[in-house]
Protein backbone atom coordinates (compact mmCIF):
# COMPACT_ATOMS: atom_id res chain seq x y z
CA ASN A 1 -15.33 4.67 14.92
CA GLY A 2 -15.99 3.85 18.23
CA GLN A 3 -14.51 1.58 21.02
CA LYS A 4 -14.34 -1.75 19.11
CA PRO A 5 -14.30 -0.16 15.49
CA ILE A 6 -15.90 -2.31 12.62
CA ILE A 7 -14.40 -2.96 9.39
CA PHE A 8 -17.39 -3.87 6.57
CA MET A 9 -16.60 -5.79 3.74
CA TRP A 10 -18.93 -5.07 0.71
CA ASP A 11 -19.30 -6.59 -2.97
CA ALA A 12 -18.29 -4.11 -5.33
CA LEU A 13 -21.01 -4.61 -7.82
CA THR A 14 -24.23 -4.99 -5.94
CA ALA A 15 -23.08 -2.63 -2.95
CA LYS A 16 -23.96 -5.29 -0.51
CA ALA A 17 -22.48 -5.94 2.81
CA ILE A 18 -20.66 -9.35 3.00
CA GLY A 19 -18.77 -9.56 5.84
CA GLN A 20 -17.09 -7.56 9.00
CA LYS A 21 -14.24 -7.58 10.87
CA ARG A 22 -13.42 -5.98 14.15
CA LEU A 23 -10.52 -4.34 15.95
CA PRO A 24 -9.79 -4.73 19.27
CA LYS A 25 -11.24 -3.39 22.02
CA GLY A 26 -9.78 0.20 22.74
CA CYS A 27 -8.79 0.81 19.09
CA ARG A 28 -11.47 3.89 18.75
CA LEU A 29 -10.79 4.18 15.16
CA VAL A 30 -9.83 3.03 11.62
CA THR A 31 -7.42 5.62 10.11
CA ALA A 32 -6.06 3.52 7.06
CA ILE A 33 -7.19 0.16 5.48
CA GLY A 34 -5.92 -2.07 2.40
CA ILE A 35 -6.55 -5.21 0.96
CA SER A 36 -3.84 -7.44 -0.62
CA ALA A 37 -3.39 -8.08 -3.84
CA THR A 38 -4.77 -11.85 -3.69
CA ASP A 39 -7.59 -10.45 -1.53
CA LYS A 40 -6.60 -12.75 0.91
CA TYR A 41 -5.69 -10.26 3.64
CA ILE A 42 -6.91 -7.07 5.40
CA CYS A 43 -4.69 -4.67 6.92
CA ALA A 44 -6.31 -1.59 9.14
CA SER A 45 -4.60 0.71 11.30
CA ASP A 46 -5.97 2.52 14.59
CA ALA A 47 -5.79 5.54 16.50
CA ALA A 48 -5.35 4.25 20.00
CA GLU A 49 -2.29 5.51 22.21
CA LYS A 50 -0.29 2.46 21.22
CA ILE A 51 -0.89 3.13 17.52
CA GLU A 52 -1.22 -0.78 15.63
CA CYS A 53 -2.04 -2.15 12.31
CA HIS A 54 -4.07 -5.25 12.65
CA ILE A 55 -4.08 -8.06 9.88
CA PHE A 56 -7.22 -10.09 9.17
CA GLU A 57 -8.25 -13.22 7.04
CA VAL A 58 -10.90 -12.18 4.29
CA ALA A 59 -12.15 -15.61 4.66
CA GLY A 60 -11.30 -16.23 8.22
CA GLY A 61 -13.25 -15.16 11.44
CA LYS A 62 -13.96 -11.68 12.69
CA ALA A 63 -10.75 -11.21 14.92
CA ALA A 64 -7.36 -10.41 13.86
CA ILE A 65 -4.58 -12.88 12.99
CA ALA A 66 -1.49 -10.86 13.58
CA THR A 67 -0.89 -7.13 15.04
CA VAL A 68 2.23 -5.19 14.75
CA ALA A 69 2.85 -1.74 16.72
CA ILE A 70 3.91 1.26 14.29
CA ASN A 71 3.65 3.81 17.29
CA MET A 72 3.14 6.60 14.73
CA LYS A 73 0.00 8.32 13.08
CA VAL A 74 -0.71 5.84 10.16
CA VAL A 75 -2.52 8.33 7.33
CA HIS A 76 -2.27 5.58 4.76
CA LEU A 77 -1.11 2.05 3.95
CA ALA A 78 -0.78 -0.29 0.47
CA TRP A 79 -0.13 -4.04 -0.10
CA SER A 80 2.58 -5.12 -2.47
CA PRO A 81 1.09 -5.92 -5.69
CA CYS A 82 4.16 -8.41 -5.83
CA ASN A 83 4.38 -10.03 -2.44
CA GLU A 84 0.79 -10.74 -0.63
CA MET A 85 2.66 -10.83 2.78
CA LEU A 86 4.08 -7.13 2.54
CA PHE A 87 2.26 -4.22 3.09
CA GLY A 88 3.67 -0.73 3.89
CA THR A 89 2.54 2.50 5.83
CA ALA A 90 2.89 5.85 5.49
CA GLY A 91 2.16 8.78 8.11
CA LYS A 92 3.69 11.21 11.01
CA ASP A 93 7.25 11.27 10.52
CA HIS A 94 7.47 7.64 9.08
CA VAL A 95 7.42 5.07 6.47
CA THR A 96 7.48 1.32 7.25
CA MET A 97 7.53 -2.25 5.57
CA CYS A 98 5.87 -4.89 7.20
CA THR A 99 6.28 -8.85 6.41
CA LEU A 100 3.64 -10.93 7.59
CA GLY A 101 5.17 -14.37 8.42
CA ALA A 102 4.08 -18.14 8.31
CA ASP A 103 4.04 -18.09 11.93
CA LYS A 104 1.27 -15.04 11.86
CA LYS A 105 4.14 -12.63 13.48
CA VAL A 106 4.91 -9.14 11.45
CA LYS A 107 8.62 -8.02 10.91
CA MET A 108 8.52 -4.20 10.71
CA VAL A 109 11.43 -2.22 9.24
CA LYS A 110 11.52 1.47 9.69
CA GLY A 111 12.65 3.86 6.61
CA LYS A 112 15.92 5.59 7.41
CA ALA A 113 15.83 9.38 7.85
CA GLY A 114 19.46 9.64 6.96
CA SER A 115 20.16 12.83 8.22
CA GLY A 116 17.63 14.43 10.38
CA LYS A 117 14.09 13.26 10.76
CA ILE A 118 11.63 11.75 8.40
CA GLU A 119 9.50 13.95 6.59
CA SER A 120 5.94 13.12 7.19
CA GLN A 121 4.22 11.10 4.40
CA CYS A 122 0.83 11.40 3.36
CA CYS A 123 0.52 8.20 0.63
CA ALA A 124 2.22 5.37 -0.63
CA ALA A 125 1.95 3.11 -3.53
CA TRP A 126 4.14 0.02 -4.99
CA ILE A 127 5.67 -0.29 -8.15
CA ASN A 128 4.67 -3.24 -9.91
CA ASN A 129 7.52 -4.78 -11.54
CA GLU A 130 9.26 -7.87 -9.98
CA ALA A 131 12.39 -6.24 -10.72
CA ASN A 132 11.69 -3.54 -8.50
CA LYS A 133 9.45 -5.52 -6.28
CA ASN A 134 10.77 -3.76 -2.97
CA ASP A 135 10.28 -0.12 -4.18
CA VAL A 136 7.75 1.91 -2.89
CA ILE A 137 6.61 5.41 -3.89
CA THR A 138 5.38 7.93 -1.48
CA GLY A 139 3.99 11.66 -1.26
CA GLY A 140 5.61 13.86 1.58
CA SER A 141 3.89 16.47 3.63
CA ASP A 142 7.04 18.73 1.88
CA GLY A 143 5.33 18.75 -1.60
CA LYS A 144 8.16 15.76 -2.83
CA VAL A 145 7.32 12.38 -4.19
CA TYR A 146 10.02 9.89 -2.54
CA HIS A 147 11.45 6.99 -4.14
CA TRP A 148 12.25 4.13 -1.49
CA SER A 149 14.04 0.91 -2.46
CA GLY A 150 13.36 -1.32 0.88
CA ASP A 151 14.11 1.00 3.84
CA SER A 152 16.37 3.84 2.09
CA VAL A 153 15.30 6.61 0.27
CA VAL A 154 16.75 6.64 -3.39
CA LYS A 155 15.63 9.92 -4.56
CA ALA A 156 12.91 12.58 -3.87
CA TYR A 157 11.40 14.62 -6.64
CA ASP A 158 9.52 17.98 -6.53
CA CYS A 159 5.98 17.60 -7.11
CA CYS A 160 3.33 19.94 -5.52
CA THR A 161 3.11 23.26 -3.62
CA GLY A 162 1.99 21.66 -0.38
CA PRO A 163 1.44 18.08 0.64
CA VAL A 164 0.98 15.22 -2.02
CA THR A 165 -2.18 13.77 -0.85
CA ALA A 166 -2.44 10.78 -3.78
CA VAL A 167 -0.17 8.63 -5.18
CA ALA A 168 -0.30 5.49 -7.54
CA CYS A 169 1.76 3.17 -9.46
CA ARG A 170 0.21 0.97 -12.69
CA VAL A 171 1.55 -0.44 -15.70
CA ASP A 172 0.47 0.99 -18.87
CA GLN A 173 1.92 -0.31 -21.89
CA ALA A 174 0.77 2.80 -23.98
CA ALA A 175 3.05 4.77 -22.22
CA GLY A 176 5.75 2.19 -22.38
CA GLY A 177 5.26 0.60 -18.88
CA GLU A 178 5.15 1.28 -15.30
CA ILE A 179 3.69 4.82 -14.48
CA VAL A 180 3.35 6.94 -11.01
CA ILE A 181 0.95 9.57 -11.01
CA ALA A 182 0.29 12.09 -7.72
CA GLY A 183 -1.56 14.90 -7.00
CA GLY A 184 -2.05 17.04 -4.14
CA LYS A 185 -3.48 20.34 -2.18
CA ASP A 186 -2.69 22.73 -4.98
CA LYS A 187 -5.03 20.82 -7.70
CA THR A 188 -2.01 19.43 -9.88
CA LEU A 189 -1.51 16.06 -11.10
CA HIS A 190 1.96 14.91 -12.38
CA CYS A 191 2.75 11.66 -14.40
CA TRP A 192 6.33 9.87 -14.10
CA LYS A 193 7.64 6.92 -16.07
CA PHE A 194 9.30 4.71 -13.62
CA ASN A 195 12.20 3.16 -15.37
CA GLY A 196 14.34 2.59 -12.07
CA GLY A 197 13.95 6.12 -11.45
CA LEU A 198 11.17 8.57 -12.19
CA THR A 199 10.96 10.59 -15.58
CA LYS A 200 8.68 13.26 -15.68
CA LEU A 201 5.76 12.87 -18.67
CA TRP A 202 3.29 15.58 -17.81
CA GLU A 203 1.39 17.59 -15.36
CA ILE A 204 -1.62 19.62 -15.22
CA LYS A 205 -4.09 21.51 -13.16
CA VAL A 206 -7.60 19.91 -12.16
CA GLN A 207 -10.63 21.49 -10.66
CA GLN A 208 -10.38 19.79 -7.21
CA ALA A 209 -7.56 18.77 -4.98
CA PRO A 210 -7.07 14.96 -5.28
CA LEU A 211 -8.06 13.03 -2.36
CA SER A 212 -6.90 9.83 -4.23
CA VAL A 213 -5.98 8.50 -7.68
CA ASP A 214 -7.44 5.94 -9.43
CA LEU A 215 -5.65 4.44 -12.26
CA PHE A 216 -7.91 1.52 -13.62
CA ASN A 217 -10.53 3.94 -14.32
CA GLY A 218 -8.74 7.11 -15.06
């Protein structure tokens, strides 16, 4: 928070601070943050009047190496597990796919609404396999889970009563490959197998509404 928000990097095993990055003056607040699959880059979005995403090198200096204007409130961002130069944002009335070029410029592609405007999206996760490396799963404020391929919606699936606040994609060999799990304010968790589309495996009621989903540790 503040006029020049600071990003703190921590050692996950020792809980010691190991570095800092600083957003440009006037950014006010970090609304979403993510680390690339290879731990090379950090991306953080701000809440200034001109909403932007700022990319930092983990091993580099405190200042951003690239910035891209999103111009819509970002509530979540996620890096592709298959491409360390690719990340996506989700938020008010939008989904974007952003590619960091070798020239340190970012190419942004906005998701297509089709007819009408895009439903606001609360969270995003990328499919892990190379065959579907451009596919993203997002959770909508309308209670649906959206499957995107590039900038277009492939299909929307009913999920929660109210916003879908958390989504994650992981490879689980016991389940036969890629799975997607999502949850929302109605305190339900839903699990699908991904095979080019989503096939429902199960759903359960939980004690608290999921704010995030961690498929590394269950």
